[in-house]
């Protein structure tokens, strides 16, 4: 048995905290764990699981890897790296084909979204045990959550015990209330348990074009990577053949058509955290019904039924009701709570305009640490850089900008062309455009530097890498 974690999507309904390069699975909850760490712990903690296979965007692989390893739970890791999102149909088809190739077609796959919350681990383990038994009888097993309220944002499953009658799209309020009252409708959790052979057989029957497209993509990816590289843990999919695959969910492609679908009804403390309303509800309400992420950063007067999320700055509100306020260092969202499902419209507009605020935060994470943009202007940019102990940036060159480095704390090992030297706290150096350079942290504490860039072009794509310990050279 292996666990398959699906880490795709932008989490656009949780903008401005969720961004394209820091999507919803990386959001941290009050206990300090991210959603993707929780998914990993759920999947890797089951006794039969031998490997975690993660399907994610290639730009997120190092980020995912770091999240997994920081849990300190040992598990074999394998990745399928997509060039861009193509929905759950291609992701699960690719995972099934890879599982068959590497482990055999009788292998059971537990498929978990990376961005859902499961609060009751013992109940989850019991539900998985039921699902595995059904999967070994060649059923496509889905998990149905007993609804606790009439929810219009979820799909539903109508079932009689474990027998699925039909899948139902997101209903209106009246229909959702009727579903809750009848007692045989369940929320569709998007969690599946299947044998590789079973899901591939059903794909061949109900979505042959999808399966053929994924097979062609994997064949092209193997040829491009070479057999040995395919076994190292990272399979990067060929972009051209991947683009030709139908963009479709596994529900539409197979689950709604197959006659071999079973459901495990369960109460596992599930929450998809699909909107600001559900995420903010994790914070306890004050006497006026306000949900505040950090009460020490909020000053309220005559405020009721508001959801307030803040990371750094103080938020003050006066005489307002039913508002969502989300404050981040580079973007502020204010919305009527009845419109929280439409936050993605703001995200999509920013994306259409290629605004940086849809893609990443002011602080950008790299495998070696992070950098925070402090200020930018005509021909200059100022960053705060943090390098983790033992980390180093790639050996690189910039054509259009020069860089000044000032060490704030720690000690930096600097390479500039054929020279290697050290900078202590309160020392600095200057790297001219066109010179190969690298900075490394050989110490045991975080290295903090201020970088001042100057030049006629300051884009992050003005970089030529010659050597990189994180494998980021094409």
Protein backbone atom coordinates (compact mmCIF):
# COMPACT_ATOMS: atom_id res chain seq x y z
CA UNK A 1 0.00 0.00 0.00
CA UNK A 2 1.19 3.52 -0.79
CA UNK A 3 -0.22 6.96 0.01
CA UNK A 4 -0.69 9.36 -2.90
CA UNK A 5 -0.80 13.05 -1.96
CA UNK A 6 -2.30 15.42 -4.51
CA UNK A 7 -0.75 18.87 -4.11
CA UNK A 8 -2.19 20.97 -6.93
CA UNK A 9 -4.35 24.03 -7.32
CA UNK A 10 -3.73 27.61 -6.30
CA UNK A 11 -6.13 27.96 -3.38
CA UNK A 12 -7.42 31.12 -5.02
CA UNK A 13 -10.36 31.41 -2.60
CA UNK A 14 -7.85 31.94 0.24
CA UNK A 15 -5.99 34.85 -1.37
CA UNK A 16 -4.07 36.89 -0.20
CA UNK A 17 -2.56 34.31 2.18
CA UNK A 18 -2.56 31.63 -0.52
CA UNK A 19 -0.53 32.43 -3.66
CA UNK A 20 0.46 30.44 -6.74
CA UNK A 21 3.94 29.67 -5.37
CA UNK A 22 2.72 29.42 -1.78
CA UNK A 23 -0.67 27.72 -2.20
CA UNK A 24 -3.18 26.51 0.35
CA UNK A 25 -1.37 23.24 1.33
CA UNK A 26 1.45 25.33 2.82
CA UNK A 27 -0.80 27.39 5.09
CA UNK A 28 0.10 26.85 8.74
CA UNK A 29 -2.54 26.33 11.39
CA UNK A 30 -2.40 27.34 15.04
CA UNK A 31 -0.39 24.24 16.00
CA UNK A 32 2.41 25.28 13.63
CA UNK A 33 1.87 22.48 11.12
CA UNK A 34 1.00 23.11 7.49
CA UNK A 35 -1.87 21.32 5.80
CA UNK A 36 0.50 19.33 3.60
CA UNK A 37 2.46 18.20 6.66
CA UNK A 38 -0.78 16.97 8.17
CA UNK A 39 -1.62 15.07 4.96
CA UNK A 40 1.84 13.50 5.04
CA UNK A 41 1.45 12.45 8.67
CA UNK A 42 -1.97 10.92 7.94
CA UNK A 43 -0.62 9.00 4.96
CA UNK A 44 2.77 7.98 6.31
CA UNK A 45 1.46 7.03 9.75
CA UNK A 46 -0.56 4.06 8.51
CA UNK A 47 1.21 0.74 9.21
CA UNK A 48 0.84 -0.73 5.71
CA UNK A 49 2.13 2.34 3.85
CA UNK A 50 5.57 1.81 2.27
CA UNK A 51 5.90 5.02 0.26
CA UNK A 52 4.53 8.54 -0.19
CA UNK A 53 3.94 9.39 -3.86
CA UNK A 54 3.24 13.10 -4.30
CA UNK A 55 1.83 14.63 -7.48
CA UNK A 56 2.64 18.34 -7.54
CA UNK A 57 3.89 21.21 -9.66
CA UNK A 58 7.60 20.98 -10.41
CA UNK A 59 8.11 24.47 -8.96
CA UNK A 60 6.89 23.23 -5.58
CA UNK A 61 8.87 19.99 -5.27
CA UNK A 62 11.68 21.31 -3.06
CA UNK A 63 9.15 23.13 -0.91
CA UNK A 64 7.07 19.97 -0.48
CA UNK A 65 10.18 17.91 0.25
CA UNK A 66 11.23 20.29 3.01
CA UNK A 67 7.76 20.22 4.56
CA UNK A 68 7.78 16.42 4.64
CA UNK A 69 11.27 16.08 6.06
CA UNK A 70 10.62 18.66 8.79
CA UNK A 71 7.99 16.31 10.26
CA UNK A 72 10.89 13.97 11.16
CA UNK A 73 8.79 10.98 10.19
CA UNK A 74 10.79 8.69 7.93
CA UNK A 75 9.13 7.47 4.76
CA UNK A 76 10.19 6.69 1.19
CA UNK A 77 9.37 9.69 -1.03
CA UNK A 78 8.59 9.68 -4.74
CA UNK A 79 7.32 12.56 -6.89
CA UNK A 80 5.43 13.06 -10.12
CA UNK A 81 6.16 16.65 -11.15
CA UNK A 82 3.64 18.40 -13.37
CA UNK A 83 4.59 21.42 -15.52
CA UNK A 84 1.17 22.95 -14.74
CA UNK A 85 -2.15 21.90 -13.22
CA UNK A 86 -4.42 19.50 -15.14
CA UNK A 87 -6.99 18.48 -12.49
CA UNK A 88 -7.29 15.24 -10.51
CA UNK A 89 -8.05 12.93 -13.45
CA UNK A 90 -4.57 13.08 -15.03
CA UNK A 91 -2.92 13.23 -11.58
CA UNK A 92 -4.55 10.01 -10.37
CA UNK A 93 -4.09 8.25 -13.73
CA UNK A 94 -0.37 9.10 -13.66
CA UNK A 95 -0.06 7.95 -10.04
CA UNK A 96 -1.78 4.63 -10.88
CA UNK A 97 0.49 3.97 -13.87
CA UNK A 98 3.61 4.80 -11.85
CA UNK A 99 2.39 2.63 -8.97
CA UNK A 100 1.79 -0.27 -11.34
CA UNK A 101 5.24 0.15 -12.91
CA UNK A 102 7.13 0.42 -9.64
CA UNK A 103 5.09 -1.72 -7.23
CA UNK A 104 2.69 -3.86 -9.25
CA UNK A 105 -0.93 -3.42 -10.26
CA UNK A 106 -2.33 -5.06 -7.10
CA UNK A 107 -0.91 -2.27 -4.93
CA UNK A 108 -3.56 -0.32 -3.00
CA UNK A 109 -3.38 3.48 -3.27
CA UNK A 110 -4.77 5.79 -0.58
CA UNK A 111 -5.29 9.13 -2.37
CA UNK A 112 -5.28 12.22 -0.15
CA UNK A 113 -5.72 15.91 -1.02
CA UNK A 114 -2.87 17.96 0.45
CA UNK A 115 -5.09 20.80 1.63
CA UNK A 116 -7.81 19.20 3.77
CA UNK A 117 -7.99 18.97 7.55
CA UNK A 118 -8.62 15.62 9.29
CA UNK A 119 -8.92 16.12 13.03
CA UNK A 120 -9.69 12.57 14.26
CA UNK A 121 -6.76 10.30 13.40
CA UNK A 122 -8.13 7.11 15.07
CA UNK A 123 -11.43 7.47 13.20
CA UNK A 124 -9.51 8.10 9.97
CA UNK A 125 -7.38 4.97 10.51
CA UNK A 126 -10.54 2.89 11.06
CA UNK A 127 -12.13 4.30 7.90
CA UNK A 128 -8.99 3.53 5.88
CA UNK A 129 -8.98 -0.05 7.17
CA UNK A 130 -12.55 -0.46 5.86
CA UNK A 131 -11.65 1.18 2.56
CA UNK A 132 -8.64 -1.09 2.02
CA UNK A 133 -10.79 -4.20 2.37
CA UNK A 134 -13.24 -2.88 -0.21
CA UNK A 135 -10.42 -1.78 -2.54
CA UNK A 136 -8.98 -5.29 -2.46
CA UNK A 137 -12.36 -6.51 -3.72
CA UNK A 138 -11.87 -4.28 -6.80
CA UNK A 139 -14.03 -1.37 -5.68
CA UNK A 140 -13.22 2.28 -6.23
CA UNK A 141 -13.69 3.50 -2.67
CA UNK A 142 -14.59 7.06 -1.76
CA UNK A 143 -15.01 8.56 1.72
CA UNK A 144 -18.36 10.12 2.63
CA UNK A 145 -18.55 12.65 5.45
CA UNK A 146 -21.73 12.79 7.51
CA UNK A 147 -22.95 16.39 7.00
CA UNK A 148 -23.34 18.57 10.07
CA UNK A 149 -25.01 21.48 8.26
CA UNK A 150 -26.64 22.24 4.88
CA UNK A 151 -23.51 23.10 2.88
CA UNK A 152 -23.80 24.47 -0.66
CA UNK A 153 -20.05 24.53 -1.40
CA UNK A 154 -19.59 20.73 -1.36
CA UNK A 155 -20.57 17.94 -3.69
CA UNK A 156 -22.69 15.15 -2.17
CA UNK A 157 -22.84 11.36 -2.41
CA UNK A 158 -26.15 9.55 -2.06
CA UNK A 159 -25.52 6.12 -0.58
CA UNK A 160 -27.18 3.13 1.00
CA UNK A 161 -24.57 1.88 3.45
CA UNK A 162 -21.43 1.40 1.36
CA UNK A 163 -23.35 1.23 -1.91
CA UNK A 164 -23.17 4.49 -3.85
CA UNK A 165 -26.35 5.47 -5.65
CA UNK A 166 -25.19 8.70 -7.27
CA UNK A 167 -22.92 11.73 -7.04
CA UNK A 168 -24.65 15.11 -6.78
CA UNK A 169 -23.22 18.50 -7.71
CA UNK A 170 -23.17 21.44 -5.27
CA UNK A 171 -26.85 22.04 -4.36
CA UNK A 172 -28.75 25.19 -3.49
CA UNK A 173 -29.59 25.93 0.16
CA UNK A 174 -33.04 24.30 0.13
CA UNK A 175 -31.74 21.12 -1.52
CA UNK A 176 -28.77 20.94 0.85
CA UNK A 177 -31.14 21.18 3.82
CA UNK A 178 -33.22 18.35 2.36
CA UNK A 179 -30.06 16.23 1.94
CA UNK A 180 -29.13 16.70 5.59
CA UNK A 181 -32.62 15.76 6.75
CA UNK A 182 -32.84 12.54 4.69
CA UNK A 183 -29.72 11.07 6.31
CA UNK A 184 -28.43 9.15 3.28
CA UNK A 185 -26.46 11.99 1.68
CA UNK A 186 -22.78 12.56 2.52
CA UNK A 187 -20.23 15.21 1.70
CA UNK A 188 -17.77 14.11 -0.97
CA UNK A 189 -14.37 14.37 0.77
CA UNK A 190 -12.26 13.80 -2.34
CA UNK A 191 -10.37 10.98 -0.58
CA UNK A 192 -10.09 7.67 -2.44
CA UNK A 193 -8.76 4.16 -1.87
CA UNK A 194 -8.21 2.01 -4.97
CA UNK A 195 -6.06 -0.70 -6.42
CA UNK A 196 -3.92 0.52 -9.30
CA UNK A 197 -5.35 -2.21 -11.56
CA UNK A 198 -8.96 -1.27 -10.73
CA UNK A 199 -8.70 2.44 -11.41
CA UNK A 200 -6.73 1.81 -14.62
CA UNK A 201 -9.39 -0.65 -15.81
CA UNK A 202 -12.18 1.85 -15.13
CA UNK A 203 -10.22 4.64 -16.81
CA UNK A 204 -9.83 2.45 -19.89
CA UNK A 205 -13.60 1.88 -19.91
CA UNK A 206 -14.92 5.36 -19.15
CA UNK A 207 -12.08 7.76 -20.00
CA UNK A 208 -9.88 6.06 -22.61
CA UNK A 209 -8.69 9.36 -24.10
CA UNK A 210 -7.48 10.48 -20.67
CA UNK A 211 -5.63 7.21 -19.99
CA UNK A 212 -4.05 7.13 -23.45
CA UNK A 213 -2.88 10.73 -23.05
CA UNK A 214 -1.28 10.05 -19.67
CA UNK A 215 0.42 6.90 -20.99
CA UNK A 216 1.89 8.91 -23.89
CA UNK A 217 3.05 11.61 -21.50
CA UNK A 218 4.77 9.11 -19.19
CA UNK A 219 6.46 7.41 -22.15
CA UNK A 220 7.80 10.76 -23.37
CA UNK A 221 8.88 11.64 -19.83
CA UNK A 222 10.78 8.35 -19.44
CA UNK A 223 12.57 8.90 -22.75
CA UNK A 224 13.50 12.43 -21.74
CA UNK A 225 14.72 11.52 -18.25
CA UNK A 226 16.28 8.12 -18.89
CA UNK A 227 15.46 4.95 -16.95
CA UNK A 228 17.96 5.51 -14.15
CA UNK A 229 16.76 9.03 -13.43
CA UNK A 230 13.15 7.84 -13.29
CA UNK A 231 14.05 5.66 -10.30
CA UNK A 232 15.67 8.44 -8.24
CA UNK A 233 12.37 9.68 -6.83
CA UNK A 234 11.43 12.51 -9.21
CA UNK A 235 9.58 11.97 -12.49
CA UNK A 236 9.21 15.28 -14.31
CA UNK A 237 6.41 15.12 -16.87
CA UNK A 238 6.94 16.17 -20.47
CA UNK A 239 5.14 19.50 -20.93
CA UNK A 240 4.13 19.11 -24.59
CA UNK A 241 2.36 15.76 -24.21
CA UNK A 242 0.95 16.76 -20.79
CA UNK A 243 -0.78 19.77 -22.36
CA UNK A 244 -2.67 17.43 -24.70
CA UNK A 245 -4.28 15.49 -21.82
CA UNK A 246 -7.94 16.34 -21.08
CA UNK A 247 -8.35 18.66 -18.09
CA UNK A 248 -10.91 16.73 -16.05
CA UNK A 249 -11.52 15.62 -12.48
CA UNK A 250 -11.51 11.96 -11.49
CA UNK A 251 -15.15 12.38 -10.39
CA UNK A 252 -16.31 13.40 -13.86
CA UNK A 253 -13.96 11.01 -15.66
CA UNK A 254 -14.71 7.81 -13.72
CA UNK A 255 -16.40 7.96 -10.31
CA UNK A 256 -19.78 9.26 -11.55
CA UNK A 257 -19.89 6.60 -14.31
CA UNK A 258 -18.36 3.48 -12.80
CA UNK A 259 -20.47 0.63 -11.43
CA UNK A 260 -17.69 -0.37 -9.05
CA UNK A 261 -17.85 2.58 -6.64
CA UNK A 262 -18.24 2.01 -2.90
CA UNK A 263 -18.30 4.51 -0.04
CA UNK A 264 -17.05 4.40 3.52
CA UNK A 265 -19.28 6.66 5.64
CA UNK A 266 -17.16 8.29 8.32
CA UNK A 267 -16.87 11.05 10.89
CA UNK A 268 -13.16 11.95 10.89
CA UNK A 269 -13.27 15.65 11.76
CA UNK A 270 -12.95 16.54 8.07
CA UNK A 271 -12.84 20.10 6.77
CA UNK A 272 -11.72 21.11 3.29
CA UNK A 273 -10.96 24.69 4.47
CA UNK A 274 -12.17 25.83 1.08
CA UNK A 275 -13.07 29.39 2.02
CA UNK A 276 -12.15 32.11 4.48
CA UNK A 277 -15.35 31.34 6.37
CA UNK A 278 -14.29 27.76 7.14
CA UNK A 279 -10.67 28.70 7.85
CA UNK A 280 -11.56 31.54 10.21
CA UNK A 281 -14.03 29.31 12.06
CA UNK A 282 -11.03 27.40 13.43
CA UNK A 283 -10.39 30.45 15.65
CA UNK A 284 -12.67 30.71 18.71
CA UNK A 285 -15.31 33.43 18.52
CA UNK A 286 -15.28 36.32 20.99
CA UNK A 287 -18.41 37.57 22.78
CA UNK A 288 -19.44 39.55 19.69
CA UNK A 289 -19.02 36.65 17.25
CA UNK A 290 -15.68 37.83 15.83
CA UNK A 291 -13.11 35.23 14.77
CA UNK A 292 -9.61 36.73 15.16
CA UNK A 293 -6.39 34.91 14.28
CA UNK A 294 -4.33 36.91 16.80
CA UNK A 295 -6.34 38.91 19.38
CA UNK A 296 -3.15 40.77 20.40
CA UNK A 297 -3.00 42.31 16.90
CA UNK A 298 -6.60 43.53 16.77
CA UNK A 299 -8.27 46.55 18.39
CA UNK A 300 -12.03 46.46 17.92
CA UNK A 301 -14.82 48.78 18.99
CA UNK A 302 -18.48 48.12 18.26
CA UNK A 303 -17.54 45.30 15.86
CA UNK A 304 -19.63 42.15 15.39
CA UNK A 305 -19.48 38.92 13.35
CA UNK A 306 -16.23 39.82 11.61
CA UNK A 307 -13.40 37.45 10.57
CA UNK A 308 -9.99 39.06 10.97
CA UNK A 309 -6.70 37.47 9.90
CA UNK A 310 -3.46 39.37 10.40
CA UNK A 311 0.19 38.30 10.29
CA UNK A 312 2.29 41.30 11.29
CA UNK A 313 0.44 44.58 11.53
CA UNK A 314 -2.15 45.78 14.01
CA UNK A 315 -5.70 45.80 12.62
CA UNK A 316 -8.16 48.34 14.07
CA UNK A 317 -11.87 48.19 13.21
CA UNK A 318 -14.67 50.51 14.29
CA UNK A 319 -18.44 50.16 13.95
CA UNK A 320 -18.54 47.40 11.32
CA UNK A 321 -20.33 44.06 10.98
CA UNK A 322 -20.05 40.92 8.86
CA UNK A 323 -16.71 41.80 7.29
CA UNK A 324 -13.76 39.63 6.30
CA UNK A 325 -10.43 41.42 6.84
CA UNK A 326 -7.23 39.64 5.80
CA UNK A 327 -4.00 41.60 6.19
CA UNK A 328 -0.64 40.43 4.82
CA UNK A 329 2.59 42.44 4.41
CA UNK A 330 1.87 43.24 0.75
CA UNK A 331 -1.90 42.92 0.30
CA UNK A 332 -5.09 43.71 2.24
CA UNK A 333 -8.45 42.06 1.56
CA UNK A 334 -11.71 43.57 2.85
CA UNK A 335 -14.96 41.83 1.88
CA UNK A 336 -18.54 41.38 2.94
CA UNK A 337 -18.67 37.88 4.46
CA UNK A 338 -21.52 36.89 2.14
CA UNK A 339 -19.09 37.27 -0.80
CA UNK A 340 -16.18 35.18 0.54
CA UNK A 341 -16.66 32.52 -2.14
CA UNK A 342 -15.88 35.20 -4.77
CA UNK A 343 -12.35 35.99 -3.55
CA UNK A 344 -11.07 33.91 -6.46
CA UNK A 345 -12.39 36.64 -8.80
CA UNK A 346 -9.81 39.03 -7.31
CA UNK A 347 -7.12 36.38 -7.65
CA UNK A 348 -8.02 35.72 -11.30
CA UNK A 349 -7.97 39.43 -12.11
CA UNK A 350 -4.51 39.82 -10.58
CA UNK A 351 -3.34 36.80 -12.56
CA UNK A 352 -4.75 38.21 -15.81
CA UNK A 353 -2.85 41.44 -15.13
CA UNK A 354 0.32 39.47 -14.22
CA UNK A 355 0.44 41.27 -10.87
CA UNK A 356 3.08 39.81 -8.54
CA UNK A 357 0.56 39.61 -5.68
CA UNK A 358 -1.16 36.57 -7.23
CA UNK A 359 2.09 34.62 -7.54
CA UNK A 360 4.10 35.06 -4.36
CA UNK A 361 4.37 36.94 -1.10
CA UNK A 362 6.83 39.65 -0.21
CA UNK A 363 8.79 36.86 1.49
CA UNK A 364 9.73 34.17 -1.05
CA UNK A 365 10.95 30.76 0.11
CA UNK A 366 13.82 28.94 -1.53
CA UNK A 367 15.40 25.56 -0.69
CA UNK A 368 18.32 27.41 0.92
CA UNK A 369 16.13 29.74 3.02
CA UNK A 370 14.17 32.85 2.05
CA UNK A 371 14.37 36.44 0.90
CA UNK A 372 12.06 39.33 1.79
CA UNK A 373 11.63 42.29 -0.52
CA UNK A 374 12.09 45.41 1.62
CA UNK A 375 11.95 48.14 -1.00
CA UNK A 376 12.11 48.56 -4.75
CA UNK A 377 12.47 51.57 -7.00
CA UNK A 378 13.96 52.74 -10.32
CA UNK A 379 17.18 50.74 -10.85
CA UNK A 380 17.38 49.40 -7.27
CA UNK A 381 15.94 46.67 -5.05
CA UNK A 382 16.65 45.89 -1.39
CA UNK A 383 16.21 42.40 0.09
CA UNK A 384 16.67 40.71 3.44
CA UNK A 385 18.20 37.26 2.83
CA UNK A 386 18.24 34.33 5.24
CA UNK A 387 20.40 31.23 4.58
CA UNK A 388 19.86 28.14 6.69
CA UNK A 389 22.91 26.43 8.28
CA UNK A 390 24.69 24.31 5.66
CA UNK A 391 22.83 25.98 2.79
CA UNK A 392 24.14 27.87 -0.22
CA UNK A 393 22.71 29.65 -3.23
CA UNK A 394 23.66 28.36 -6.66
CA UNK A 395 26.88 29.42 -8.36
CA UNK A 396 25.35 32.06 -10.61
CA UNK A 397 25.77 35.13 -12.76
CA UNK A 398 23.60 38.17 -13.51
CA UNK A 399 23.86 40.10 -16.77
CA UNK A 400 21.96 43.24 -15.79
CA UNK A 401 22.50 43.88 -12.09
CA UNK A 402 25.25 44.28 -9.52
CA UNK A 403 24.81 43.34 -5.85
CA UNK A 404 26.03 44.69 -2.53
CA UNK A 405 25.94 42.20 0.38
CA UNK A 406 26.04 43.29 4.03
CA UNK A 407 26.17 40.58 6.72
CA UNK A 408 23.76 41.32 9.58
CA UNK A 409 24.35 38.17 11.61
CA UNK A 410 26.32 34.97 11.13
CA UNK A 411 29.27 34.44 8.77
CA UNK A 412 29.12 34.19 4.98
CA UNK A 413 31.43 32.21 2.73
CA UNK A 414 31.56 34.19 -0.53
CA UNK A 415 32.74 32.90 -3.89
CA UNK A 416 33.42 35.51 -6.60
CA UNK A 417 35.00 34.10 -9.76
CA UNK A 418 38.15 32.31 -8.53
CA UNK A 419 38.24 33.97 -5.09
CA UNK A 420 36.74 32.50 -1.89
CA UNK A 421 36.62 34.59 1.28
CA UNK A 422 34.57 35.04 4.49
CA UNK A 423 32.47 37.96 5.67
CA UNK A 424 31.76 38.36 9.38
CA UNK A 425 28.90 40.32 10.94
CA UNK A 426 28.93 44.00 9.89
CA UNK A 427 31.19 43.33 6.88
CA UNK A 428 30.22 43.70 3.23
CA UNK A 429 31.25 43.02 -0.36
CA UNK A 430 30.29 44.06 -3.89
CA UNK A 431 29.55 41.69 -6.80
CA UNK A 432 29.68 43.33 -10.23
CA UNK A 433 27.36 42.25 -13.03
CA UNK A 434 28.81 39.46 -15.15
CA UNK A 435 30.82 37.82 -12.35
CA UNK A 436 30.15 34.29 -11.14
CA UNK A 437 29.29 34.28 -7.45
CA UNK A 438 27.83 32.28 -4.59
CA UNK A 439 27.20 32.74 -0.87
CA UNK A 440 27.13 29.82 1.57
CA UNK A 441 26.44 29.41 5.26
CA UNK A 442 28.99 27.04 6.82
CA UNK A 443 27.95 27.95 10.37
CA UNK A 444 25.36 26.55 12.78
CA UNK A 445 23.12 29.65 12.98
CA UNK A 446 21.00 31.33 10.30
CA UNK A 447 22.98 33.74 8.11
CA UNK A 448 21.17 37.06 7.63
CA UNK A 449 22.25 39.53 4.94
CA UNK A 450 20.96 42.70 3.36
CA UNK A 451 21.29 42.66 -0.43
CA UNK A 452 21.13 45.87 -2.44
CA UNK A 453 20.68 45.28 -6.18
CA UNK A 454 21.31 47.98 -8.79
CA UNK A 455 21.01 47.82 -12.55
CA UNK A 456 18.81 48.38 -15.57
CA UNK A 457 16.83 45.16 -15.07
CA UNK A 458 16.11 43.54 -11.67
CA UNK A 459 13.84 40.62 -12.57
CA UNK A 460 14.31 37.26 -10.84
CA UNK A 461 14.83 35.62 -14.23
CA UNK A 462 18.15 37.44 -14.78
CA UNK A 463 20.10 34.48 -13.49
CA UNK A 464 22.43 31.93 -15.11
CA UNK A 465 23.17 28.94 -12.87
CA UNK A 466 26.41 26.98 -13.23
CA UNK A 467 26.21 24.72 -10.18
CA UNK A 468 23.44 24.05 -7.68
CA UNK A 469 23.20 21.57 -4.80
CA UNK A 470 19.38 21.53 -5.12
CA UNK A 471 19.32 20.32 -8.72
CA UNK A 472 17.77 23.45 -10.22
CA UNK A 473 19.89 23.43 -13.38
CA UNK A 474 18.02 22.17 -16.45
